[in-house]
Protein backbone atom coordinates (compact mmCIF):
# COMPACT_ATOMS: atom_id res chain seq x y z
CA MET A 1 -0.73 39.00 -56.08
CA ALA A 2 -3.22 35.57 -55.36
CA ASN A 3 -0.64 34.56 -52.83
CA SER A 4 -0.30 37.80 -51.10
CA LYS A 5 -4.46 38.09 -51.61
CA SER A 6 -4.99 35.01 -49.80
CA ASN A 7 -2.22 35.37 -47.15
CA MET A 8 -4.14 38.64 -45.98
CA GLU A 9 -7.10 36.95 -46.34
CA THR A 10 -5.61 34.14 -43.80
CA GLU A 11 -4.59 36.75 -41.42
CA THR A 12 -8.21 38.59 -41.41
CA TYR A 13 -9.71 35.45 -40.83
CA LYS A 14 -7.25 34.69 -38.00
CA GLN A 15 -8.04 38.33 -36.34
CA VAL A 16 -12.04 38.19 -36.69
CA ALA A 17 -11.65 34.48 -35.33
CA LYS A 18 -9.57 35.81 -32.10
CA ARG A 19 -11.95 38.64 -31.73
CA MET A 20 -15.02 35.87 -31.59
CA GLU A 21 -13.70 33.47 -29.61
CA PRO A 22 -14.47 33.64 -25.80
CA PRO A 23 -12.29 34.10 -23.49
CA ARG A 24 -10.65 30.56 -21.98
CA PRO A 25 -11.18 30.97 -17.73
CA LEU A 26 -7.86 29.06 -17.31
CA GLY A 27 -7.14 30.82 -13.57
CA MET A 28 -10.63 28.80 -13.03
CA ARG A 29 -10.06 25.81 -14.71
CA CYS A 30 -6.34 25.24 -13.05
CA LEU A 31 -7.94 25.62 -9.58
CA LYS A 32 -10.69 23.22 -10.37
CA ALA A 33 -8.13 20.58 -11.65
CA PHE A 34 -5.90 21.10 -8.22
CA LEU A 35 -8.73 20.60 -5.62
CA VAL A 36 -10.40 17.98 -7.73
CA GLY A 37 -6.80 16.04 -7.44
CA GLY A 38 -5.62 16.84 -3.86
CA LEU A 39 -9.51 15.66 -2.97
CA ILE A 40 -8.48 12.14 -4.73
CA CYS A 41 -5.18 12.27 -2.98
CA LEU A 42 -7.23 12.93 0.29
CA ILE A 43 -9.25 10.16 -0.41
CA GLY A 44 -6.47 8.03 -0.94
CA GLN A 45 -4.94 9.13 2.36
CA CYS A 46 -8.46 8.57 4.44
CA ILE A 47 -8.29 4.92 2.78
CA GLN A 48 -4.59 4.35 3.50
CA THR A 49 -5.81 5.80 7.37
CA PHE A 50 -8.15 3.65 7.34
CA TYR A 51 -6.39 0.16 6.06
CA MET A 52 -3.71 0.92 8.98
CA ALA A 53 -6.42 1.47 11.55
CA PHE A 54 -8.52 -0.96 11.20
CA PHE A 55 -6.53 -4.15 9.23
CA ASN A 56 -2.66 -3.27 10.63
CA PHE A 57 -1.48 -2.26 7.84
CA ASN A 58 2.12 -0.71 8.16
CA GLU A 59 3.34 2.36 5.81
CA ALA A 60 5.14 -0.66 4.04
CA THR A 61 2.48 -2.66 2.64
CA VAL A 62 -0.53 -0.69 3.02
CA GLY A 63 0.35 1.06 -0.60
CA SER A 64 -1.18 -1.55 -2.66
CA PRO A 65 -4.99 -2.10 -0.76
CA THR A 66 -5.04 1.82 -1.19
CA VAL A 67 -4.22 1.80 -4.74
CA ALA A 68 -6.55 -1.23 -5.66
CA THR A 69 -9.33 0.27 -3.84
CA LEU A 70 -8.38 3.60 -5.88
CA ILE A 71 -9.06 1.65 -9.31
CA PHE A 72 -11.73 0.06 -7.68
CA ILE A 73 -14.01 3.13 -7.07
CA ALA A 74 -12.73 4.51 -10.27
CA VAL A 75 -14.13 1.85 -11.83
CA VAL A 76 -17.47 1.43 -10.56
CA LEU A 77 -17.74 5.71 -11.11
CA THR A 78 -16.84 5.16 -14.49
CA GLY A 79 -19.75 2.38 -15.13
CA PHE A 80 -22.04 4.42 -13.74
CA GLY A 81 -21.12 7.31 -15.79
CA VAL A 82 -20.13 9.55 -12.88
CA TYR A 83 -16.34 9.57 -13.07
CA ASP A 84 -16.86 11.17 -16.84
CA LYS A 85 -18.96 14.11 -15.59
CA PHE A 86 -16.94 14.52 -12.86
CA SER A 87 -13.94 14.54 -15.22
CA GLN A 88 -15.81 17.29 -17.41
CA PHE A 89 -16.06 19.57 -14.14
CA SER A 90 -12.47 19.12 -13.34
CA GLY A 91 -10.34 18.71 -16.43
CA GLY A 92 -6.89 17.63 -15.31
CA GLY A 93 -7.54 16.89 -11.95
CA THR A 94 -9.00 13.58 -12.72
CA ILE A 95 -6.72 12.45 -15.55
CA VAL A 96 -3.26 12.27 -13.62
CA PRO A 97 -3.86 9.82 -10.41
CA VAL A 98 -4.08 6.15 -10.66
CA THR A 99 -7.63 6.92 -11.03
CA GLY A 100 -7.38 8.44 -14.42
CA PHE A 101 -5.74 5.62 -15.61
CA ALA A 102 -8.24 3.00 -14.39
CA ASN A 103 -11.14 5.22 -15.61
CA ALA A 104 -9.55 5.31 -19.27
CA MET A 105 -9.11 1.45 -19.03
CA ALA A 106 -12.73 0.96 -17.73
CA SER A 107 -13.88 3.29 -20.60
CA THR A 108 -12.53 1.71 -23.30
CA ALA A 109 -13.92 -1.61 -21.67
CA ILE A 110 -17.23 -0.19 -21.94
CA GLU A 111 -17.29 1.43 -25.44
CA TYR A 112 -15.62 -1.87 -27.20
CA ARG A 113 -17.58 -4.09 -25.43
CA SER A 114 -20.04 -4.65 -28.16
CA GLU A 115 -17.11 -5.87 -30.18
CA GLY A 116 -16.16 -8.94 -28.50
CA TYR A 117 -14.19 -9.38 -25.73
CA VAL A 118 -11.61 -10.45 -27.48
CA LEU A 119 -11.01 -8.82 -29.77
CA GLY A 120 -13.17 -5.64 -28.67
CA VAL A 121 -12.36 -5.30 -25.15
CA GLY A 122 -8.87 -6.72 -25.14
CA GLY A 123 -7.30 -5.40 -28.40
CA ASN A 124 -8.70 -1.93 -27.36
CA MET A 125 -7.89 -2.10 -23.60
CA PHE A 126 -4.33 -2.75 -24.23
CA LYS A 127 -3.49 -0.63 -27.10
CA LEU A 128 -4.20 2.81 -24.27
CA ALA A 129 -2.37 0.11 -21.88
CA GLY A 130 0.72 -1.02 -23.70
CA SER A 131 2.49 2.32 -23.89
CA VAL A 132 1.98 3.51 -20.49
CA ILE A 133 3.44 -0.26 -19.73
CA VAL A 134 6.00 -0.17 -21.69
CA PHE A 135 7.04 3.74 -20.91
CA GLY A 136 7.00 2.54 -17.41
CA THR A 137 8.92 -0.17 -17.62
CA VAL A 138 11.33 1.41 -19.36
CA ALA A 139 11.25 4.41 -17.47
CA ALA A 140 11.97 1.46 -14.33
CA PHE A 141 14.70 0.34 -16.05
CA ILE A 142 16.96 3.06 -16.59
CA ILE A 143 16.26 4.76 -13.00
CA GLY A 144 17.57 1.18 -11.66
CA ILE A 145 20.57 1.62 -13.91
CA ILE A 146 21.43 4.60 -12.57
CA TYR A 147 20.53 3.26 -9.00
CA ALA A 148 23.19 0.79 -9.39
CA ILE A 149 25.88 3.52 -10.88
CA VAL A 150 25.49 5.80 -7.84
CA THR A 151 25.23 3.09 -5.49
CA GLN A 152 28.42 1.14 -6.85
CA GLN A 153 30.44 4.32 -7.58
CA TRP A 154 29.65 6.40 -4.50
CA GLY A 155 28.14 4.05 -2.48
CA VAL A 156 25.14 6.57 -1.70
CA MET A 157 21.93 5.13 -0.68
């Protein structure tokens, strides 16, 4: 008897909570994320075009300085507290590009700097980066094996 009463109270609570919960503007959130992510990519494309026009990079060599510039901009904006406000506005739009990872690393460094540079900044920064680096390395290894098998087996690529 007590168990069924508890279940009824739980269900009643869930119904009341669902009615009282404000509606979530999912469509607007998706639109903001899409537009901001696209804006970051547009800025990256403008930087890439700038490097190609004024520093004589070609399509094969312009990627690294472009990514480095985007990372630098994200870290500076994180240091001034601008990137976090931008992220709150846009939601997931700032997480996906390389700038999101730069923001996460810089935020961690800023947050733990009071604990010292080695144990605070270094130790906590690489807690975050470790999983990303390991995943990237394993994914690259698996894709490399698949590429080697495909090119040897069928002579493709």
